[in-house]
C-alpha atoms as a PDB file:
ATOM      1  CA  MET A   1       1.614 -25.379  10.080  1.00  0.00           C
ATOM      2  CA  LYS A   2       0.261 -22.366   8.198  1.00  0.00           C
ATOM      3  CA  GLY A   3       0.580 -18.967   9.842  1.00  0.00           C
ATOM      4  CA  LEU A   4      -0.008 -15.338   8.917  1.00  0.00           C
ATOM      5  CA  VAL A   5       3.217 -13.335   8.944  1.00  0.00           C
ATOM      6  CA  VAL A   6       3.851  -9.597   8.801  1.00  0.00           C
ATOM      7  CA  THR A   7       7.047  -9.219   6.803  1.00  0.00           C
ATOM      8  CA  SER A   8       9.845  -6.743   7.400  1.00  0.00           C
ATOM      9  CA  ASP A   9       8.406  -4.499   4.672  1.00  0.00           C
ATOM     10  CA  HIS A  10       4.948  -4.556   6.332  1.00  0.00           C
ATOM     11  CA  THR A  11       3.066  -6.855   4.026  1.00  0.00           C
ATOM     12  CA  LEU A  12       1.017  -9.891   4.984  1.00  0.00           C
ATOM     13  CA  GLU A  13       2.040 -13.372   3.864  1.00  0.00           C
ATOM     14  CA  LEU A  14       0.621 -16.812   4.573  1.00  0.00           C
ATOM     15  CA  ARG A  15       3.635 -19.018   5.254  1.00  0.00           C
ATOM     16  CA  THR A  16       4.418 -22.544   6.334  1.00  0.00           C
ATOM     17  CA  VAL A  17       6.180 -22.255   9.688  1.00  0.00           C
ATOM     18  CA  GLY A  18       7.362 -24.773  12.230  1.00  0.00           C
ATOM     19  CA  ASP A  19       4.884 -26.271  14.672  1.00  0.00           C
ATOM     20  CA  PRO A  20       5.218 -25.116  18.291  1.00  0.00           C
ATOM     21  CA  ALA A  21       6.619 -27.744  20.656  1.00  0.00           C
ATOM     22  CA  PRO A  22       4.936 -27.665  24.084  1.00  0.00           C
ATOM     23  CA  GLY A  23       7.104 -27.628  27.188  1.00  0.00           C
ATOM     24  CA  PRO A  24       6.226 -29.363  30.465  1.00  0.00           C
ATOM     25  CA  TYR A  25       3.861 -26.567  31.578  1.00  0.00           C
ATOM     26  CA  GLU A  26       2.335 -25.956  28.151  1.00  0.00           C
ATOM     27  CA  ALA A  27      -0.638 -27.349  26.255  1.00  0.00           C
ATOM     28  CA  LEU A  28      -0.751 -27.666  22.481  1.00  0.00           C
ATOM     29  CA  VAL A  29      -3.862 -26.099  20.959  1.00  0.00           C
ATOM     30  CA  ARG A  30      -5.446 -26.563  17.551  1.00  0.00           C
ATOM     31  CA  ILE A  31      -6.508 -23.006  16.825  1.00  0.00           C
ATOM     32  CA  ARG A  32      -9.979 -22.813  15.307  1.00  0.00           C
ATOM     33  CA  ALA A  33     -10.455 -19.079  14.819  1.00  0.00           C
ATOM     34  CA  CYS A  34      -8.812 -15.736  15.545  1.00  0.00           C
ATOM     35  CA  GLY A  35     -10.404 -12.296  15.619  1.00  0.00           C
ATOM     36  CA  ILE A  36      -9.017  -9.355  13.654  1.00  0.00           C
ATOM     37  CA  CYS A  37      -8.284  -6.436  15.964  1.00  0.00           C
ATOM     38  CA  SER A  38      -8.925  -3.161  14.178  1.00  0.00           C
ATOM     39  CA  THR A  39      -6.368  -1.408  16.380  1.00  0.00           C
ATOM     40  CA  THR A  40      -3.382  -3.586  17.326  1.00  0.00           C
ATOM     41  CA  ASP A  41      -3.349  -5.891  14.283  1.00  0.00           C
ATOM     42  CA  GLN A  42      -3.659  -2.972  11.881  1.00  0.00           C
ATOM     43  CA  GLU A  43      -0.892  -1.077  13.701  1.00  0.00           C
ATOM     44  CA  LEU A  44       1.366  -4.120  13.504  1.00  0.00           C
ATOM     45  CA  VAL A  45       0.792  -4.402   9.765  1.00  0.00           C
ATOM     46  CA  ARG A  46       1.493  -0.678   9.251  1.00  0.00           C
ATOM     47  CA  GLY A  47       4.526  -0.715  11.548  1.00  0.00           C
ATOM     48  CA  THR A  48       3.057   1.886  13.914  1.00  0.00           C
ATOM     49  CA  GLN A  49       2.427  -0.309  16.972  1.00  0.00           C
ATOM     50  CA  PRO A  50       4.474   1.429  19.701  1.00  0.00           C
ATOM     51  CA  TYR A  51       5.321  -1.670  21.764  1.00  0.00           C
ATOM     52  CA  ASN A  52       6.062  -4.262  19.075  1.00  0.00           C
ATOM     53  CA  ARG A  53       8.410  -3.372  16.237  1.00  0.00           C
ATOM     54  CA  ASP A  54      10.235  -6.661  15.654  1.00  0.00           C
ATOM     55  CA  TYR A  55       9.708  -8.095  12.155  1.00  0.00           C
ATOM     56  CA  PRO A  56       8.968 -10.458  10.528  1.00  0.00           C
ATOM     57  CA  CYS A  57       6.415 -11.590  13.076  1.00  0.00           C
ATOM     58  CA  LEU A  58       3.606 -14.116  13.444  1.00  0.00           C
ATOM     59  CA  LEU A  59       0.356 -12.174  13.899  1.00  0.00           C
ATOM     60  CA  GLY A  60      -2.871 -12.558  15.914  1.00  0.00           C
ATOM     61  CA  HIS A  61      -3.887 -12.156  19.556  1.00  0.00           C
ATOM     62  CA  GLU A  62      -7.630 -12.978  19.734  1.00  0.00           C
ATOM     63  CA  ALA A  63      -7.490 -16.705  19.072  1.00  0.00           C
ATOM     64  CA  VAL A  64      -9.573 -19.571  20.422  1.00  0.00           C
ATOM     65  CA  GLY A  65      -8.978 -23.265  20.015  1.00  0.00           C
ATOM     66  CA  GLU A  66      -9.096 -26.773  21.397  1.00  0.00           C
ATOM     67  CA  VAL A  67      -6.401 -28.439  23.493  1.00  0.00           C
ATOM     68  CA  VAL A  68      -4.996 -31.528  21.749  1.00  0.00           C
ATOM     69  CA  ALA A  69      -2.065 -32.433  24.046  1.00  0.00           C
ATOM     70  CA  VAL A  70      -0.632 -31.353  27.391  1.00  0.00           C
ATOM     71  CA  GLY A  71       2.851 -31.273  28.892  1.00  0.00           C
ATOM     72  CA  ALA A  72       3.801 -33.546  31.779  1.00  0.00           C
ATOM     73  CA  LYS A  73       3.331 -30.865  34.473  1.00  0.00           C
ATOM     74  CA  VAL A  74       0.113 -29.290  33.178  1.00  0.00           C
ATOM     75  CA  ARG A  75      -2.757 -29.564  35.668  1.00  0.00           C
ATOM     76  CA  ASN A  76      -5.300 -26.942  34.598  1.00  0.00           C
ATOM     77  CA  PHE A  77      -5.788 -27.764  30.912  1.00  0.00           C
ATOM     78  CA  ARG A  78      -7.030 -31.048  29.483  1.00  0.00           C
ATOM     79  CA  PRO A  79      -7.359 -32.398  25.943  1.00  0.00           C
ATOM     80  CA  GLY A  80     -10.703 -31.280  24.593  1.00  0.00           C
ATOM     81  CA  ASP A  81     -10.783 -28.007  26.562  1.00  0.00           C
ATOM     82  CA  TRP A  82     -11.621 -24.866  24.627  1.00  0.00           C
ATOM     83  CA  VAL A  83      -9.164 -22.120  25.520  1.00  0.00           C
ATOM     84  CA  THR A  84      -8.651 -18.427  24.848  1.00  0.00           C
ATOM     85  CA  ARG A  85      -5.593 -16.623  23.533  1.00  0.00           C
ATOM     86  CA  PRO A  86      -3.306 -19.481  22.422  1.00  0.00           C
ATOM     87  CA  VAL A  87      -0.118 -18.111  20.837  1.00  0.00           C
ATOM     88  CA  GLY A  88       1.860 -19.492  17.929  1.00  0.00           C
ATOM     89  CA  ILE A  89       5.089 -18.002  19.335  1.00  0.00           C
ATOM     90  CA  TRP A  90       5.356 -16.951  22.960  1.00  0.00           C
ATOM     91  CA  PRO A  91       5.802 -13.155  23.352  1.00  0.00           C
ATOM     92  CA  GLY A  92       9.415 -12.130  23.715  1.00  0.00           C
ATOM     93  CA  THR A  93      10.753 -15.221  21.924  1.00  0.00           C
ATOM     94  CA  ARG A  94      11.566 -16.097  18.315  1.00  0.00           C
ATOM     95  CA  ARG A  95      11.207 -19.264  16.271  1.00  0.00           C
ATOM     96  CA  ASP A  96      12.177 -20.039  12.675  1.00  0.00           C
ATOM     97  CA  GLY A  97      13.375 -16.466  12.204  1.00  0.00           C
ATOM     98  CA  LEU A  98      10.030 -15.025  13.309  1.00  0.00           C
ATOM     99  CA  ALA A  99       9.243 -12.704  16.209  1.00  0.00           C
ATOM    100  CA  SER A 100       6.022 -12.983  18.155  1.00  0.00           C
ATOM    101  CA  ALA A 101       3.044 -10.743  17.577  1.00  0.00           C
ATOM    102  CA  TRP A 102       1.351 -13.464  19.624  1.00  0.00           C
ATOM    103  CA  GLY A 103       0.737 -15.593  16.537  1.00  0.00           C
ATOM    104  CA  GLY A 104      -2.927 -16.510  16.868  1.00  0.00           C
ATOM    105  CA  PHE A 105      -3.426 -16.527  13.078  1.00  0.00           C
ATOM    106  CA  ALA A 106      -1.899 -19.981  12.867  1.00  0.00           C
ATOM    107  CA  GLU A 107      -3.089 -23.558  12.885  1.00  0.00           C
ATOM    108  CA  LEU A 108      -1.403 -24.454  16.179  1.00  0.00           C
ATOM    109  CA  GLY A 109      -0.595 -22.562  19.363  1.00  0.00           C
ATOM    110  CA  LEU A 110       0.349 -22.892  23.009  1.00  0.00           C
ATOM    111  CA  VAL A 111      -1.150 -21.995  26.367  1.00  0.00           C
ATOM    112  CA  ARG A 112       0.868 -22.026  29.575  1.00  0.00           C
ATOM    113  CA  ASP A 113      -0.364 -23.328  32.892  1.00  0.00           C
ATOM    114  CA  ARG A 114       0.698 -20.404  35.077  1.00  0.00           C
ATOM    115  CA  LEU A 115      -1.115 -21.818  38.122  1.00  0.00           C
ATOM    116  CA  ALA A 116       0.739 -25.135  37.940  1.00  0.00           C
ATOM    117  CA  MET A 117       4.007 -23.244  37.554  1.00  0.00           C
ATOM    118  CA  ALA A 118       3.217 -21.152  40.631  1.00  0.00           C
ATOM    119  CA  ALA A 119       2.253 -24.218  42.653  1.00  0.00           C
ATOM    120  CA  ASP A 120       5.652 -25.702  41.791  1.00  0.00           C
ATOM    121  CA  GLY A 121       7.482 -22.567  42.915  1.00  0.00           C
ATOM    122  CA  ASP A 122       7.712 -20.478  39.718  1.00  0.00           C
ATOM    123  CA  ARG A 123       5.469 -17.421  40.136  1.00  0.00           C
ATOM    124  CA  SER A 124       6.878 -15.519  37.155  1.00  0.00           C
ATOM    125  CA  LEU A 125       3.701 -15.785  35.064  1.00  0.00           C
ATOM    126  CA  LEU A 126       1.053 -15.200  37.730  1.00  0.00           C
ATOM    127  CA  GLU A 127       0.480 -11.636  36.505  1.00  0.00           C
ATOM    128  CA  ASP A 128       1.803 -12.079  32.976  1.00  0.00           C
ATOM    129  CA  TYR A 129      -0.436 -10.337  30.414  1.00  0.00           C
ATOM    130  CA  THR A 130      -0.609 -13.287  28.017  1.00  0.00           C
ATOM    131  CA  ALA A 131      -0.759 -16.124  30.528  1.00  0.00           C
ATOM    132  CA  LEU A 132      -3.506 -14.399  32.551  1.00  0.00           C
ATOM    133  CA  ARG A 133      -5.709 -14.351  29.454  1.00  0.00           C
ATOM    134  CA  GLN A 134      -5.177 -18.017  28.551  1.00  0.00           C
ATOM    135  CA  ASN A 135      -8.077 -19.823  30.166  1.00  0.00           C
ATOM    136  CA  ALA A 136     -10.232 -22.865  29.619  1.00  0.00           C
ATOM    137  CA  VAL A 137     -13.787 -21.684  28.969  1.00  0.00           C
ATOM    138  CA  ASP A 138     -17.243 -23.206  29.118  1.00  0.00           C
ATOM    139  CA  ALA A 139     -18.092 -23.432  25.416  1.00  0.00           C
ATOM    140  CA  ARG A 140     -21.472 -25.161  25.823  1.00  0.00           C
ATOM    141  CA  GLY A 141     -23.896 -24.003  23.163  1.00  0.00           C
ATOM    142  CA  LEU A 142     -21.431 -21.554  21.579  1.00  0.00           C
ATOM    143  CA  ASP A 143     -19.522 -21.734  18.329  1.00  0.00           C
ATOM    144  CA  PRO A 144     -15.970 -20.437  17.701  1.00  0.00           C
ATOM    145  CA  ALA A 145     -17.324 -17.124  16.360  1.00  0.00           C
ATOM    146  CA  ALA A 146     -19.052 -16.434  19.668  1.00  0.00           C
ATOM    147  CA  LEU A 147     -15.951 -17.402  21.641  1.00  0.00           C
ATOM    148  CA  VAL A 148     -13.799 -15.011  19.594  1.00  0.00           C
ATOM    149  CA  LEU A 149     -16.348 -12.244  20.067  1.00  0.00           C
ATOM    150  CA  ALA A 150     -16.397 -12.948  23.806  1.00  0.00           C
ATOM    151  CA  ILE A 151     -12.752 -11.869  24.070  1.00  0.00           C
ATOM    152  CA  SER A 152     -13.599  -8.368  22.825  1.00  0.00           C
ATOM    153  CA  LEU A 153     -16.812  -8.170  24.834  1.00  0.00           C
ATOM    154  CA  ALA A 154     -15.169  -9.335  28.041  1.00  0.00           C
ATOM    155  CA  GLU A 155     -12.587  -6.572  27.658  1.00  0.00           C
ATOM    156  CA  THR A 156     -15.284  -3.894  27.494  1.00  0.00           C
ATOM    157  CA  TRP A 157     -17.411  -5.605  30.177  1.00  0.00           C
ATOM    158  CA  SER A 158     -14.492  -5.575  32.638  1.00  0.00           C
ATOM    159  CA  TRP A 159     -13.773  -1.942  31.741  1.00  0.00           C
ATOM    160  CA  THR A 160     -17.399  -0.801  32.056  1.00  0.00           C
ATOM    161  CA  TRP A 161     -17.881  -2.311  35.494  1.00  0.00           C
ATOM    162  CA  GLN A 162     -15.047  -0.196  36.869  1.00  0.00           C
ATOM    163  CA  LEU A 163     -17.040   2.965  36.095  1.00  0.00           C
ATOM    164  CA  PRO A 164     -19.380   4.624  38.602  1.00  0.00           C
ATOM    165  CA  ALA A 165     -22.711   2.788  38.874  1.00  0.00           C
ATOM    166  CA  LEU A 166     -24.625   3.376  35.631  1.00  0.00           C
ATOM    167  CA  GLY A 167     -28.090   2.432  36.861  1.00  0.00           C
ATOM    168  CA  GLY A 168     -30.494   5.338  36.405  1.00  0.00           C
ATOM    169  CA  GLN A 169     -27.823   7.551  34.822  1.00  0.00           C
ATOM    170  CA  ALA A 170     -27.466   9.166  31.411  1.00  0.00           C
ATOM    171  CA  VAL A 171     -24.485   7.617  29.615  1.00  0.00           C
ATOM    172  CA  CYS A 172     -22.897   8.734  26.351  1.00  0.00           C
ATOM    173  CA  VAL A 173     -20.620   6.440  24.323  1.00  0.00           C
ATOM    174  CA  ALA A 174     -18.437   7.844  21.541  1.00  0.00           C
ATOM    175  CA  GLY A 175     -17.748   5.225  18.887  1.00  0.00           C
ATOM    176  CA  THR A 176     -19.621   2.643  16.839  1.00  0.00           C
ATOM    177  CA  GLY A 177     -16.907   0.033  16.499  1.00  0.00           C
ATOM    178  CA  ILE A 178     -17.084  -3.184  18.501  1.00  0.00           C
ATOM    179  CA  ALA A 179     -15.853  -1.344  21.622  1.00  0.00           C
ATOM    180  CA  GLY A 180     -18.384   1.485  21.500  1.00  0.00           C
ATOM    181  CA  LEU A 181     -21.300  -0.756  20.571  1.00  0.00           C
ATOM    182  CA  SER A 182     -20.568  -3.244  23.335  1.00  0.00           C
ATOM    183  CA  ILE A 183     -20.091  -0.513  25.960  1.00  0.00           C
ATOM    184  CA  ALA A 184     -23.509   0.825  24.933  1.00  0.00           C
ATOM    185  CA  LEU A 185     -24.927  -2.688  25.360  1.00  0.00           C
ATOM    186  CA  TRP A 186     -23.398  -3.031  28.832  1.00  0.00           C
ATOM    187  CA  ALA A 187     -24.729   0.399  29.841  1.00  0.00           C
ATOM    188  CA  ARG A 188     -28.221  -0.679  28.780  1.00  0.00           C
ATOM    189  CA  LEU A 189     -27.968  -3.967  30.689  1.00  0.00           C
ATOM    190  CA  ALA A 190     -26.667  -2.035  33.720  1.00  0.00           C
ATOM    191  CA  GLY A 191     -29.900  -0.042  33.804  1.00  0.00           C
ATOM    192  CA  ALA A 192     -28.779   3.304  32.420  1.00  0.00           C
ATOM    193  CA  ARG A 193     -31.674   5.752  32.131  1.00  0.00           C
ATOM    194  CA  THR A 194     -30.492   7.056  28.760  1.00  0.00           C
ATOM    195  CA  VAL A 195     -27.839   5.584  26.466  1.00  0.00           C
ATOM    196  CA  ALA A 196     -26.561   7.968  23.793  1.00  0.00           C
ATOM    197  CA  VAL A 197     -24.120   6.897  21.078  1.00  0.00           C
ATOM    198  CA  LEU A 198     -21.976   9.173  18.918  1.00  0.00           C
ATOM    199  CA  GLY A 199     -20.779   8.185  15.458  1.00  0.00           C
ATOM    200  CA  ARG A 200     -20.436   9.206  11.839  1.00  0.00           C
ATOM    201  CA  ARG A 201     -22.008   6.348   9.862  1.00  0.00           C
ATOM    202  CA  ALA A 202     -25.759   5.900   9.564  1.00  0.00           C
ATOM    203  CA  GLU A 203     -25.620   2.098   9.391  1.00  0.00           C
ATOM    204  CA  ARG A 204     -23.530   1.895  12.559  1.00  0.00           C
ATOM    205  CA  LEU A 205     -25.799   4.299  14.415  1.00  0.00           C
ATOM    206  CA  ALA A 206     -28.732   2.090  13.391  1.00  0.00           C
ATOM    207  CA  LEU A 207     -26.853  -0.884  14.848  1.00  0.00           C
ATOM    208  CA  ALA A 208     -26.310   1.114  18.051  1.00  0.00           C
ATOM    209  CA  ARG A 209     -30.087   1.384  18.393  1.00  0.00           C
ATOM    210  CA  GLN A 210     -30.322  -2.376  17.908  1.00  0.00           C
ATOM    211  CA  VAL A 211     -27.996  -3.008  20.861  1.00  0.00           C
ATOM    212  CA  GLY A 212     -29.832  -0.591  23.158  1.00  0.00           C
ATOM    213  CA  ALA A 213     -29.075   3.067  22.396  1.00  0.00           C
ATOM    214  CA  ASP A 214     -31.909   5.533  22.972  1.00  0.00           C
ATOM    215  CA  LEU A 215     -30.246   8.451  21.204  1.00  0.00           C
ATOM    216  CA  CYS A 216     -27.839   8.339  18.248  1.00  0.00           C
ATOM    217  CA  LEU A 217     -26.009  11.490  17.181  1.00  0.00           C
ATOM    218  CA  ASP A 218     -23.821  12.152  14.151  1.00  0.00           C
ATOM    219  CA  THR A 219     -20.709  14.005  15.292  1.00  0.00           C
ATOM    220  CA  GLY A 220     -20.550  15.554  11.826  1.00  0.00           C
ATOM    221  CA  ASP A 221     -23.520  17.682  12.847  1.00  0.00           C
ATOM    222  CA  ALA A 222     -22.330  20.886  14.450  1.00  0.00           C
ATOM    223  CA  GLY A 223     -25.033  20.877  17.123  1.00  0.00           C
ATOM    224  CA  TRP A 224     -24.591  17.343  18.445  1.00  0.00           C
ATOM    225  CA  ALA A 225     -23.245  18.458  21.848  1.00  0.00           C
ATOM    226  CA  ASP A 226     -26.184  20.809  22.426  1.00  0.00           C
ATOM    227  CA  THR A 227     -28.608  18.041  21.462  1.00  0.00           C
ATOM    228  CA  LEU A 228     -26.860  15.661  23.850  1.00  0.00           C
ATOM    229  CA  ARG A 229     -27.057  18.093  26.771  1.00  0.00           C
ATOM    230  CA  SER A 230     -30.720  18.812  26.080  1.00  0.00           C
ATOM    231  CA  ALA A 231     -31.721  15.157  25.735  1.00  0.00           C
ATOM    232  CA  THR A 232     -29.924  14.149  28.940  1.00  0.00           C
ATOM    233  CA  GLY A 233     -31.142  17.019  31.116  1.00  0.00           C
ATOM    234  CA  GLY A 234     -27.924  18.990  31.305  1.00  0.00           C
ATOM    235  CA  GLY A 235     -25.379  16.465  30.046  1.00  0.00           C
ATOM    236  CA  PRO A 236     -24.511  12.816  30.659  1.00  0.00           C
ATOM    237  CA  ALA A 237     -23.200  11.632  33.998  1.00  0.00           C
ATOM    238  CA  VAL A 238     -20.698   9.359  32.226  1.00  0.00           C
ATOM    239  CA  PHE A 239     -18.968   9.886  28.880  1.00  0.00           C
ATOM    240  CA  CYS A 240     -17.122   6.889  27.404  1.00  0.00           C
ATOM    241  CA  GLU A 241     -14.553   7.611  24.677  1.00  0.00           C
ATOM    242  CA  ALA A 242     -14.118   4.466  22.549  1.00  0.00           C
ATOM    243  CA  VAL A 243     -12.637   5.971  19.393  1.00  0.00           C
ATOM    244  CA  GLY A 244      -9.166   7.181  20.316  1.00  0.00           C
ATOM    245  CA  SER A 245      -9.790  10.849  19.480  1.00  0.00           C
ATOM    246  CA  PRO A 246      -8.420  13.470  21.907  1.00  0.00           C
ATOM    247  CA  ALA A 247     -10.650  16.097  20.253  1.00  0.00           C
ATOM    248  CA  LEU A 248     -13.758  13.999  20.793  1.00  0.00           C
ATOM    249  CA  LEU A 249     -12.691  13.302  24.378  1.00  0.00           C
ATOM    250  CA  ALA A 250     -12.393  17.035  25.018  1.00  0.00           C
ATOM    251  CA  ALA A 251     -15.839  17.649  23.505  1.00  0.00           C
ATOM    252  CA  GLY A 252     -17.303  14.881  25.639  1.00  0.00           C
ATOM    253  CA  VAL A 253     -15.757  16.288  28.824  1.00  0.00           C
ATOM    254  CA  ALA A 254     -17.217  19.684  27.985  1.00  0.00           C
ATOM    255  CA  ALA A 255     -20.666  18.099  27.531  1.00  0.00           C
ATOM    256  CA  LEU A 256     -20.642  16.362  30.931  1.00  0.00           C
ATOM    257  CA  ARG A 257     -22.906  17.540  33.698  1.00  0.00           C
ATOM    258  CA  PRO A 258     -21.128  18.878  36.811  1.00  0.00           C
ATOM    259  CA  GLY A 259     -19.634  15.980  38.754  1.00  0.00           C
ATOM    260  CA  GLY A 260     -19.626  13.772  35.647  1.00  0.00           C
ATOM    261  CA  VAL A 261     -16.951  11.234  34.688  1.00  0.00           C
ATOM    262  CA  ALA A 262     -15.194  10.916  31.335  1.00  0.00           C
ATOM    263  CA  ALA A 263     -13.648   7.471  30.801  1.00  0.00           C
ATOM    264  CA  VAL A 264     -11.125   6.536  28.116  1.00  0.00           C
ATOM    265  CA  TYR A 265     -11.231   3.186  26.324  1.00  0.00           C
ATOM    266  CA  GLY A 266     -10.122   4.181  22.810  1.00  0.00           C
ATOM    267  CA  VAL A 267      -6.430   4.170  21.945  1.00  0.00           C
ATOM    268  CA  ALA A 268      -5.280   7.523  20.598  1.00  0.00           C
ATOM    269  CA  PRO A 269      -2.525   7.612  17.942  1.00  0.00           C
ATOM    270  CA  GLY A 270       0.752   7.102  19.759  1.00  0.00           C
ATOM    271  CA  GLY A 271      -1.171   6.622  23.009  1.00  0.00           C
ATOM    272  CA  ASP A 272      -1.443  10.399  23.421  1.00  0.00           C
ATOM    273  CA  HIS A 273      -4.772  11.448  24.991  1.00  0.00           C
ATOM    274  CA  ARG A 274      -3.785  15.055  25.639  1.00  0.00           C
ATOM    275  CA  PHE A 275      -6.626  17.530  25.878  1.00  0.00           C
ATOM    276  CA  ASP A 276      -7.374  20.727  27.772  1.00  0.00           C
ATOM    277  CA  ARG A 277      -7.464  19.602  31.417  1.00  0.00           C
ATOM    278  CA  GLY A 278      -8.972  22.985  32.188  1.00  0.00           C
ATOM    279  CA  LEU A 279     -12.272  21.442  31.094  1.00  0.00           C
ATOM    280  CA  LEU A 280     -12.243  19.301  34.244  1.00  0.00           C
ATOM    281  CA  THR A 281     -14.155  21.845  36.294  1.00  0.00           C
ATOM    282  CA  GLU A 282     -17.173  21.612  38.613  1.00  0.00           C
ATOM    283  CA  GLY A 283     -16.164  18.196  39.886  1.00  0.00           C
ATOM    284  CA  ARG A 284     -15.726  16.561  36.468  1.00  0.00           C
ATOM    285  CA  THR A 285     -13.108  13.795  36.494  1.00  0.00           C
ATOM    286  CA  LEU A 286     -11.209  11.577  34.066  1.00  0.00           C
ATOM    287  CA  ALA A 287     -10.989   7.788  34.472  1.00  0.00           C
ATOM    288  CA  THR A 288      -8.803   5.273  32.631  1.00  0.00           C
ATOM    289  CA  PRO A 289      -9.937   1.792  33.745  1.00  0.00           C
ATOM    290  CA  GLU A 290      -7.881  -1.217  32.674  1.00  0.00           C
ATOM    291  CA  ALA A 291      -9.529  -3.901  30.525  1.00  0.00           C
ATOM    292  CA  ARG A 292      -9.025  -7.336  32.110  1.00  0.00           C
ATOM    293  CA  GLU A 293     -11.179  -9.669  30.094  1.00  0.00           C
ATOM    294  CA  HIS A 294     -10.109 -12.854  31.890  1.00  0.00           C
ATOM    295  CA  LEU A 295     -12.123 -11.654  34.917  1.00  0.00           C
ATOM    296  CA  ALA A 296     -15.291 -11.168  32.846  1.00  0.00           C
ATOM    297  CA  LEU A 297     -15.263 -14.070  30.376  1.00  0.00           C
ATOM    298  CA  PRO A 298     -17.539 -16.407  32.364  1.00  0.00           C
ATOM    299  CA  GLN A 299     -20.207 -13.710  32.772  1.00  0.00           C
ATOM    300  CA  VAL A 300     -20.069 -12.710  29.102  1.00  0.00           C
ATOM    301  CA  LEU A 301     -20.307 -16.328  27.934  1.00  0.00           C
ATOM    302  CA  GLU A 302     -23.337 -16.860  30.162  1.00  0.00           C
ATOM    303  CA  LEU A 303     -24.999 -13.718  28.770  1.00  0.00           C
ATOM    304  CA  MET A 304     -24.390 -15.114  25.282  1.00  0.00           C
ATOM    305  CA  ARG A 305     -26.003 -18.429  26.211  1.00  0.00           C
ATOM    306  CA  ARG A 306     -29.034 -16.547  27.572  1.00  0.00           C
ATOM    307  CA  GLY A 307     -29.406 -14.611  24.315  1.00  0.00           C
ATOM    308  CA  ALA A 308     -28.670 -11.234  25.935  1.00  0.00           C
ATOM    309  CA  VAL A 309     -25.896 -10.495  23.431  1.00  0.00           C
ATOM    310  CA  PRO A 310     -26.767 -10.062  19.717  1.00  0.00           C
ATOM    311  CA  VAL A 311     -23.839 -12.171  18.504  1.00  0.00           C
ATOM    312  CA  ALA A 312     -24.832 -12.184  14.823  1.00  0.00           C
ATOM    313  CA  ALA A 313     -25.205  -8.390  14.763  1.00  0.00           C
ATOM    314  CA  LEU A 314     -21.732  -7.846  16.231  1.00  0.00           C
ATOM    315  CA  MET A 315     -19.680 -10.676  14.670  1.00  0.00           C
ATOM    316  CA  THR A 316     -20.397  -9.562  11.135  1.00  0.00           C
ATOM    317  CA  HIS A 317     -17.693 -11.253   9.032  1.00  0.00           C
ATOM    318  CA  ARG A 318     -15.974 -14.624   8.728  1.00  0.00           C
ATOM    319  CA  TRP A 319     -13.231 -15.652   6.297  1.00  0.00           C
ATOM    320  CA  PRO A 320     -11.027 -18.727   5.873  1.00  0.00           C
ATOM    321  CA  LEU A 321      -7.373 -18.096   6.685  1.00  0.00           C
ATOM    322  CA  GLU A 322      -6.454 -18.153   3.002  1.00  0.00           C
ATOM    323  CA  ARG A 323      -8.593 -15.042   2.377  1.00  0.00           C
ATOM    324  CA  TYR A 324      -6.628 -12.945   4.855  1.00  0.00           C
ATOM    325  CA  ALA A 325      -5.901 -10.138   2.357  1.00  0.00           C
ATOM    326  CA  GLU A 326      -9.599  -9.610   1.653  1.00  0.00           C
ATOM    327  CA  ALA A 327     -10.356  -9.688   5.367  1.00  0.00           C
ATOM    328  CA  PHE A 328      -7.746  -7.139   6.411  1.00  0.00           C
ATOM    329  CA  ALA A 329      -8.705  -4.828   3.570  1.00  0.00           C
ATOM    330  CA  ALA A 330     -12.357  -4.897   4.635  1.00  0.00           C
ATOM    331  CA  VAL A 331     -11.397  -4.110   8.236  1.00  0.00           C
ATOM    332  CA  ALA A 332      -9.170  -1.245   7.091  1.00  0.00           C
ATOM    333  CA  ARG A 333     -12.067   0.212   5.088  1.00  0.00           C
ATOM    334  CA  GLY A 334     -14.271   0.214   8.185  1.00  0.00           C
ATOM    335  CA  GLU A 335     -16.766  -2.273   6.759  1.00  0.00           C
ATOM    336  CA  VAL A 336     -16.481  -4.747   9.625  1.00  0.00           C
ATOM    337  CA  VAL A 337     -17.904  -4.498  13.143  1.00  0.00           C
ATOM    338  CA  LYS A 338     -16.042  -7.630  14.211  1.00  0.00           C
ATOM    339  CA  GLY A 339     -14.563 -10.282  11.956  1.00  0.00           C
ATOM    340  CA  HIS A 340     -12.442 -13.379  12.303  1.00  0.00           C
ATOM    341  CA  LEU A 341     -10.360 -15.807  10.298  1.00  0.00           C
ATOM    342  CA  VAL A 342     -11.106 -19.516  10.531  1.00  0.00           C
ATOM    343  CA  MET A 343      -8.206 -21.964  10.702  1.00  0.00           C
ATOM    344  CA  GLY A 344     -10.206 -25.162  10.583  1.00  0.00           C
END
């Protein structure tokens, strides 16, 4: 099969690699598409991903595909099922001289039936990060692009619903990438009184209005925090940091109304979100919810079927696998809200 490899000198290559062989609890998946993650995938290419530094590796962790065969003990996947997060090489293992960076940018992958394993006495994968996120999904009326997008949106949906109730509140979201835009969308659907979005690019701020923002502020303008406090009657009740900037997090905490909550979604360089905790005065608090998209996928897919999610506005780019270099360059330049590679 063809697969996208990050080499030991941190370049991307499309290689022919061995097909995965499913075990008794595994299903073989023909991968149809895989999303490009602007954080983890780019870090893996640069060699700066803190938890995965084994090269060369098979890349891609936002894949969707169709089950084509199942192992003898599989009970929860069937041929024809559409599934999320198939992997070309299982994390923590190697094949054909390649490490696993999940390996979703490949023509074939595997999903493991963790529930069947548990029923037969092996509970080792019940809470496994990868296996938890490998699920058969209801793909009625949706194409692969929407299913790929649903992975990202279900992450932010599950994160957003762990915040204090947003109905009737003023909410500020920092960031106009797929995370920030989708959090703004969820805040609007949750009934927020005011949704403010912070960014630096006019075209992205215009897109934020399209997904439901009432107020869009350019953080390059020195007075944005004063404008935010004025427009929200003393500051937002909830500030969502979806960029990965400790400085912006600190500014957002300072802009909160007393008793407000600052919540971190963005990944700071090196995972370091240090800021002046002395800003957490007058009952202000910091929250770090965990994204668990497998719990939210059914709801997000249903919202897509109802037309509540502007799929075309958020999934902005599509490339065949062979045009991977063009795709990754466009993502690195910040031209892409969400994009994916198509395997077939």
